[in-house]
Amino acid sequence: MTDESAGYVTIGEAALRSGMPPKTIRFYEQIGLIRPAQRFANQYRAYSEKDVHTLKFVHRARNLGFSLKDIQALLSLYRDRRRASRDVKRLALKHVADVDRRIAELTAIRNAIAGLAQKCHGDDRPQCPILDELEAGEH
């Protein structure tokens, strides 16, 4: 890199340090979740330490299942040093409620499938209550 780009890293290094693929970083730039990278004379994307820190923040939030919309809100709250912590907590608790709802839905699906599997003999006969109930649309 040149002198003007000292202190900056390439997208490959930013990806390595943040834990997300370069393609994802470019996508987040494209949709405006993160600010576009600096571009110097070589026209390559260049990321500052602050940019890498933001990418790590986004990556951790995505790993916790936050939506891109919620991550945008979290980033705004993070950058606002006059924020009220209740706003952050409200967003986190909303996410917990969403996760609980999804867990309940997945548990119901799991129980329905387990119930169907329990009705099936699982032998050499072609008759299968799982297929019969799926055909009937009862679950």
Protein backbone atom coordinates (compact mmCIF):
# COMPACT_ATOMS: atom_id res chain seq x y z
CA MET A 1 0.00 0.00 0.00
CA THR A 2 1.02 3.61 -0.49
CA ASP A 3 1.75 6.22 2.17
CA GLU A 4 -1.78 7.61 1.79
CA SER A 5 -3.20 4.22 2.64
CA ALA A 6 -1.01 3.60 5.68
CA GLY A 7 -3.12 2.40 8.59
CA TYR A 8 -5.67 0.88 6.26
CA VAL A 9 -6.17 -2.77 5.32
CA THR A 10 -7.47 -4.45 2.19
CA ILE A 11 -10.90 -6.07 2.01
CA GLY A 12 -9.20 -9.46 2.34
CA GLU A 13 -7.54 -8.46 5.59
CA ALA A 14 -10.74 -6.78 6.84
CA ALA A 15 -12.63 -9.97 6.05
CA LEU A 16 -10.09 -12.09 7.88
CA ARG A 17 -10.09 -9.85 10.93
CA SER A 18 -13.86 -9.42 11.08
CA GLY A 19 -14.77 -13.04 10.34
CA MET A 20 -17.00 -12.31 7.37
CA PRO A 21 -16.42 -12.96 3.66
CA PRO A 22 -15.47 -10.08 1.35
CA LYS A 23 -18.68 -10.64 -0.61
CA THR A 24 -20.71 -9.99 2.56
CA ILE A 25 -18.72 -6.84 3.29
CA ARG A 26 -19.39 -5.54 -0.24
CA PHE A 27 -23.09 -6.39 0.18
CA TYR A 28 -23.29 -4.49 3.48
CA GLU A 29 -21.68 -1.49 1.77
CA GLN A 30 -24.11 -1.74 -1.13
CA ILE A 31 -27.21 -1.73 1.10
CA GLY A 32 -25.83 1.07 3.26
CA LEU A 33 -25.43 -0.93 6.46
CA ILE A 34 -21.79 0.15 6.64
CA ARG A 35 -20.18 3.13 5.00
CA PRO A 36 -18.34 2.54 1.73
CA ALA A 37 -14.65 1.81 2.09
CA GLN A 38 -12.01 4.40 1.30
CA ARG A 39 -10.50 4.16 -2.16
CA PHE A 40 -7.01 5.37 -2.83
CA ALA A 41 -5.03 5.67 -6.08
CA ASN A 42 -5.08 1.92 -6.67
CA GLN A 43 -8.93 1.94 -6.39
CA TYR A 44 -8.88 -1.01 -3.99
CA ARG A 45 -11.14 -0.87 -0.98
CA ALA A 46 -9.26 0.24 2.12
CA TYR A 47 -10.59 -0.19 5.64
CA SER A 48 -9.50 1.67 8.76
CA GLU A 49 -9.30 0.13 12.23
CA LYS A 50 -12.65 1.78 12.99
CA ASP A 51 -14.15 0.14 9.88
CA VAL A 52 -12.83 -3.27 10.95
CA HIS A 53 -14.26 -2.71 14.43
CA THR A 54 -17.66 -1.92 12.87
CA LEU A 55 -17.46 -5.05 10.74
CA LYS A 56 -16.74 -7.13 13.86
CA PHE A 57 -19.72 -5.50 15.60
CA VAL A 58 -21.99 -6.36 12.65
CA HIS A 59 -20.64 -9.90 12.46
CA ARG A 60 -21.28 -10.53 16.17
CA ALA A 61 -24.80 -9.10 15.88
CA ARG A 62 -25.54 -11.31 12.86
CA ASN A 63 -24.22 -14.35 14.75
CA LEU A 64 -26.74 -13.51 17.48
CA GLY A 65 -29.49 -13.54 14.86
CA PHE A 66 -30.26 -9.83 14.71
CA SER A 67 -31.85 -8.72 11.45
CA LEU A 68 -30.08 -6.22 9.21
CA LYS A 69 -32.70 -3.63 10.19
CA ASP A 70 -32.02 -4.24 13.88
CA ILE A 71 -28.27 -4.09 13.29
CA GLN A 72 -28.70 -0.71 11.61
CA ALA A 73 -30.57 0.45 14.73
CA LEU A 74 -27.89 -1.03 17.01
CA LEU A 75 -25.15 0.72 15.04
CA SER A 76 -27.02 4.01 15.33
CA LEU A 77 -27.40 3.53 19.06
CA TYR A 78 -23.75 2.51 19.39
CA ARG A 79 -22.59 5.66 17.60
CA ASP A 80 -24.87 7.93 19.65
CA ARG A 81 -22.99 8.57 22.87
CA ARG A 82 -26.10 10.28 24.29
CA ARG A 83 -28.27 7.20 23.76
CA ALA A 84 -30.49 5.82 26.48
CA SER A 85 -29.55 2.26 27.41
CA ARG A 86 -33.29 1.48 27.63
CA ASP A 87 -33.45 1.85 23.83
CA VAL A 88 -30.73 -0.75 23.41
CA LYS A 89 -32.38 -3.05 25.95
CA ARG A 90 -35.78 -2.65 24.27
CA LEU A 91 -34.27 -3.75 20.96
CA ALA A 92 -32.51 -6.71 22.60
CA LEU A 93 -35.67 -7.83 24.41
CA LYS A 94 -37.68 -7.58 21.19
CA HIS A 95 -35.10 -9.88 19.62
CA VAL A 96 -35.36 -12.30 22.57
CA ALA A 97 -39.14 -12.40 22.06
CA ASP A 98 -38.63 -13.13 18.34
CA VAL A 99 -36.17 -15.93 19.17
CA ASP A 100 -38.62 -17.38 21.72
CA ARG A 101 -41.38 -17.33 19.09
CA ARG A 102 -39.14 -19.10 16.56
CA ILE A 103 -38.14 -21.68 19.17
CA ALA A 104 -41.82 -22.36 19.90
CA GLU A 105 -42.54 -22.73 16.17
CA LEU A 106 -39.59 -25.07 15.68
CA THR A 107 -40.56 -27.09 18.75
CA ALA A 108 -44.08 -27.52 17.35
CA ILE A 109 -42.64 -28.63 14.00
CA ARG A 110 -40.26 -31.02 15.73
CA ASN A 111 -43.06 -32.52 17.80
CA ALA A 112 -45.30 -32.92 14.75
CA ILE A 113 -42.54 -34.71 12.82
CA ALA A 114 -41.67 -36.90 15.81
CA GLY A 115 -45.34 -37.80 16.18
CA LEU A 116 -45.56 -38.75 12.52
CA ALA A 117 -42.37 -40.82 12.76
CA GLN A 118 -43.74 -42.63 15.80
CA LYS A 119 -46.78 -43.75 13.80
CA CYS A 120 -44.62 -45.29 11.07
CA HIS A 121 -43.57 -48.92 11.47
CA GLY A 122 -40.34 -48.32 9.56
CA ASP A 123 -40.31 -51.78 8.08
CA ASP A 124 -40.37 -53.24 4.55
CA ARG A 125 -44.07 -52.56 4.01
CA PRO A 126 -44.94 -49.73 1.59
CA GLN A 127 -47.74 -48.38 3.80
CA CYS A 128 -46.51 -45.30 5.70
CA PRO A 129 -48.64 -43.11 7.98
CA ILE A 130 -46.17 -40.23 7.50
CA LEU A 131 -46.88 -40.03 3.79
CA ASP A 132 -50.59 -40.62 4.35
CA GLU A 133 -50.85 -37.71 6.78
CA LEU A 134 -48.75 -35.42 4.61
CA GLU A 135 -51.04 -36.22 1.69
CA ALA A 136 -54.12 -35.56 3.80
CA GLY A 137 -52.69 -32.25 4.99
CA GLU A 138 -53.61 -32.85 8.63
CA HIS A 139 -50.37 -31.37 10.04
